Every structure is written in structure tokens, then in C-alpha cells.
Amino acid sequence: MSETVAFYTALGLAFQSEQHGTGPKHYCCQLDALALEIYPSKGGDINGSVMVGIKADDLDSLKLPLNNIVAQTAPFGDGRRVIVTDPDGRNVFVFEAGQA
């Protein structure tokens, strides 16, 4: 979990450690109406058809893990985008809005 939390923290997300009753310790990031939670793996296949998308103010200011880049920075609408994989193998679409 610590690698996954560090990965998303480098993308600009802030996590709080949580534990509800006797449930597992996990991490939560609240984003407006969305909560992103990272739980310990139970050893199953966690890869699937879900891709996380994160908007960044400036891609150049992020500490993107270069060894995890799937698609290089490229134009995206009026801004740019890059696709990286998180430590658990999920693709993460990171994009910035164009400057008006």
C-alpha cells in the first residue's frame, strides 16, 4: 500500500490514514464528490478495465515515475496528457487543461 499511496501523492493527491471499527487500515483521498481509497490487497487479481483519470494544473511540476510511463506526454485538447501505471498495474491518465 505504501508504494501506491506514494505514487498518487506524487500526482498531487493527499491521503489520510483511516480504519473503521475492526476493518483494515487503509488510506483515503476526498476529491469533491469522489473518494479514492487504497486498501491492502488480498492477493487476487486487481487489474481490470478501470482507468483512473487525474487532472493536474501542470504536468511539468509532477514527479512522474519515468519507469512507469505507458504513453509519453502528448497533446490533449488544449493541454497535454500522459499515461502512467501505478504500482498495482493500473493505468492512470494524467492530464492538464490548456491555458486560456
C-alpha atoms as a PDB file:
ATOM      1  CA  MET A   1       0.000   0.000   0.000  1.00  0.00           C
ATOM      2  CA  SER A   2       2.784   2.444   0.827  1.00  0.00           C
ATOM      3  CA  GLU A   3       4.102   2.402  -2.763  1.00  0.00           C
ATOM      4  CA  THR A   4       0.621   3.017  -4.153  1.00  0.00           C
ATOM      5  CA  VAL A   5      -0.049   5.873  -1.705  1.00  0.00           C
ATOM      6  CA  ALA A   6       3.357   7.419  -2.564  1.00  0.00           C
ATOM      7  CA  PHE A   7       2.591   7.125  -6.303  1.00  0.00           C
ATOM      8  CA  TYR A   8      -0.726   9.001  -6.044  1.00  0.00           C
ATOM      9  CA  THR A   9       0.753  11.524  -3.598  1.00  0.00           C
ATOM     10  CA  ALA A  10       3.392  12.342  -6.243  1.00  0.00           C
ATOM     11  CA  LEU A  11       0.479  13.086  -8.605  1.00  0.00           C
ATOM     12  CA  GLY A  12      -0.805  15.713  -6.171  1.00  0.00           C
ATOM     13  CA  LEU A  13      -3.354  13.768  -4.109  1.00  0.00           C
ATOM     14  CA  ALA A  14      -3.424  13.975  -0.295  1.00  0.00           C
ATOM     15  CA  PHE A  15      -4.349  10.886   1.732  1.00  0.00           C
ATOM     16  CA  GLN A  16      -5.499  10.353   5.297  1.00  0.00           C
ATOM     17  CA  SER A  17      -4.986   7.086   7.143  1.00  0.00           C
ATOM     18  CA  GLU A  18      -8.320   5.528   8.190  1.00  0.00           C
ATOM     19  CA  GLN A  19      -9.677   2.472   9.934  1.00  0.00           C
ATOM     20  CA  HIS A  20     -13.373   1.888  10.562  1.00  0.00           C
ATOM     21  CA  GLY A  21     -14.033  -0.300  13.594  1.00  0.00           C
ATOM     22  CA  THR A  22     -12.193  -3.592  13.196  1.00  0.00           C
ATOM     23  CA  GLY A  23     -11.795  -3.165   9.424  1.00  0.00           C
ATOM     24  CA  PRO A  24      -8.408  -2.928   7.720  1.00  0.00           C
ATOM     25  CA  LYS A  25      -6.252   0.169   7.920  1.00  0.00           C
ATOM     26  CA  HIS A  26      -6.462   1.997   4.594  1.00  0.00           C
ATOM     27  CA  TYR A  27      -5.905   5.408   3.025  1.00  0.00           C
ATOM     28  CA  CYS A  28      -8.495   7.856   1.694  1.00  0.00           C
ATOM     29  CA  CYS A  29      -8.326  10.937  -0.514  1.00  0.00           C
ATOM     30  CA  GLN A  30     -11.528  13.000  -0.722  1.00  0.00           C
ATOM     31  CA  LEU A  31     -11.973  14.834  -4.052  1.00  0.00           C
ATOM     32  CA  ASP A  32     -15.207  16.815  -4.169  1.00  0.00           C
ATOM     33  CA  ALA A  33     -17.869  14.100  -4.638  1.00  0.00           C
ATOM     34  CA  LEU A  34     -15.331  11.284  -5.088  1.00  0.00           C
ATOM     35  CA  ALA A  35     -13.364   9.335  -2.502  1.00  0.00           C
ATOM     36  CA  LEU A  36     -10.296   7.395  -3.667  1.00  0.00           C
ATOM     37  CA  GLU A  37      -9.446   4.690  -1.125  1.00  0.00           C
ATOM     38  CA  ILE A  38      -6.455   2.351  -1.100  1.00  0.00           C
ATOM     39  CA  TYR A  39      -6.923  -0.921   0.787  1.00  0.00           C
ATOM     40  CA  PRO A  40      -4.486  -3.759   1.381  1.00  0.00           C
ATOM     41  CA  SER A  41      -4.542  -6.363  -1.383  1.00  0.00           C
ATOM     42  CA  LYS A  42      -5.995  -9.764  -0.612  1.00  0.00           C
ATOM     43  CA  GLY A  43      -3.690 -11.375  -3.189  1.00  0.00           C
ATOM     44  CA  GLY A  44      -6.247 -11.524  -6.012  1.00  0.00           C
ATOM     45  CA  ASP A  45      -6.039 -10.043  -9.484  1.00  0.00           C
ATOM     46  CA  ILE A  46      -6.587  -6.310  -9.041  1.00  0.00           C
ATOM     47  CA  ASN A  47      -6.102  -5.364 -12.679  1.00  0.00           C
ATOM     48  CA  GLY A  48      -9.260  -4.750 -14.600  1.00  0.00           C
ATOM     49  CA  SER A  49     -10.948  -2.441 -17.028  1.00  0.00           C
ATOM     50  CA  VAL A  50     -10.841   0.643 -14.787  1.00  0.00           C
ATOM     51  CA  MET A  51      -8.569   3.579 -15.614  1.00  0.00           C
ATOM     52  CA  VAL A  52      -8.161   6.408 -13.135  1.00  0.00           C
ATOM     53  CA  GLY A  53      -8.026   9.934 -14.584  1.00  0.00           C
ATOM     54  CA  ILE A  54      -6.451  12.807 -12.663  1.00  0.00           C
ATOM     55  CA  LYS A  55      -6.415  16.475 -13.675  1.00  0.00           C
ATOM     56  CA  ALA A  56      -3.176  18.303 -12.887  1.00  0.00           C
ATOM     57  CA  ASP A  57      -2.546  22.034 -13.025  1.00  0.00           C
ATOM     58  CA  ASP A  58       0.904  21.499 -14.572  1.00  0.00           C
ATOM     59  CA  LEU A  59       2.314  18.156 -15.757  1.00  0.00           C
ATOM     60  CA  ASP A  60       5.860  19.517 -15.559  1.00  0.00           C
ATOM     61  CA  SER A  61       5.528  20.108 -11.803  1.00  0.00           C
ATOM     62  CA  LEU A  62       4.626  16.471 -11.084  1.00  0.00           C
ATOM     63  CA  LYS A  63       7.149  13.859 -10.044  1.00  0.00           C
ATOM     64  CA  LEU A  64       6.041  11.259 -12.579  1.00  0.00           C
ATOM     65  CA  PRO A  65       7.769   7.894 -12.189  1.00  0.00           C
ATOM     66  CA  LEU A  66       9.575   7.640 -15.510  1.00  0.00           C
ATOM     67  CA  ASN A  67       9.817   3.849 -15.321  1.00  0.00           C
ATOM     68  CA  ASN A  68       6.010   3.670 -15.175  1.00  0.00           C
ATOM     69  CA  ILE A  69       5.209   5.770 -18.261  1.00  0.00           C
ATOM     70  CA  VAL A  70       2.991   3.905 -20.735  1.00  0.00           C
ATOM     71  CA  ALA A  71       2.363   6.799 -23.132  1.00  0.00           C
ATOM     72  CA  GLN A  72       4.619   9.832 -23.405  1.00  0.00           C
ATOM     73  CA  THR A  73       3.326  13.340 -22.860  1.00  0.00           C
ATOM     74  CA  ALA A  74       1.191  14.297 -25.842  1.00  0.00           C
ATOM     75  CA  PRO A  75      -1.324  16.986 -26.809  1.00  0.00           C
ATOM     76  CA  PHE A  76      -4.762  16.538 -25.281  1.00  0.00           C
ATOM     77  CA  GLY A  77      -7.392  19.092 -26.283  1.00  0.00           C
ATOM     78  CA  ASP A  78      -5.881  22.468 -25.367  1.00  0.00           C
ATOM     79  CA  GLY A  79      -3.495  20.867 -22.863  1.00  0.00           C
ATOM     80  CA  ARG A  80      -1.368  17.736 -22.561  1.00  0.00           C
ATOM     81  CA  ARG A  81      -1.662  14.216 -21.161  1.00  0.00           C
ATOM     82  CA  VAL A  82       0.482  11.285 -20.112  1.00  0.00           C
ATOM     83  CA  ILE A  83      -0.465   7.732 -19.131  1.00  0.00           C
ATOM     84  CA  VAL A  84       1.449   6.025 -16.330  1.00  0.00           C
ATOM     85  CA  THR A  85       0.915   2.791 -14.407  1.00  0.00           C
ATOM     86  CA  ASP A  86       0.550   2.748 -10.650  1.00  0.00           C
ATOM     87  CA  PRO A  87       2.454   0.198  -8.519  1.00  0.00           C
ATOM     88  CA  ASP A  88      -0.505  -2.192  -8.778  1.00  0.00           C
ATOM     89  CA  GLY A  89      -0.528  -2.118 -12.596  1.00  0.00           C
ATOM     90  CA  ARG A  90      -3.486   0.210 -13.159  1.00  0.00           C
ATOM     91  CA  ASN A  91      -3.227   2.739 -15.978  1.00  0.00           C
ATOM     92  CA  VAL A  92      -3.549   6.327 -14.767  1.00  0.00           C
ATOM     93  CA  PHE A  93      -4.466   9.054 -17.260  1.00  0.00           C
ATOM     94  CA  VAL A  94      -2.955  12.350 -16.049  1.00  0.00           C
ATOM     95  CA  PHE A  95      -3.994  15.447 -17.971  1.00  0.00           C
ATOM     96  CA  GLU A  96      -3.717  19.186 -17.736  1.00  0.00           C
ATOM     97  CA  ALA A  97      -6.166  21.723 -19.051  1.00  0.00           C
ATOM     98  CA  GLY A  98      -4.998  24.196 -21.658  1.00  0.00           C
ATOM     99  CA  GLN A  99      -4.211  27.751 -20.679  1.00  0.00           C
ATOM    100  CA  ALA A 100      -6.872  30.179 -21.844  1.00  0.00           C
END
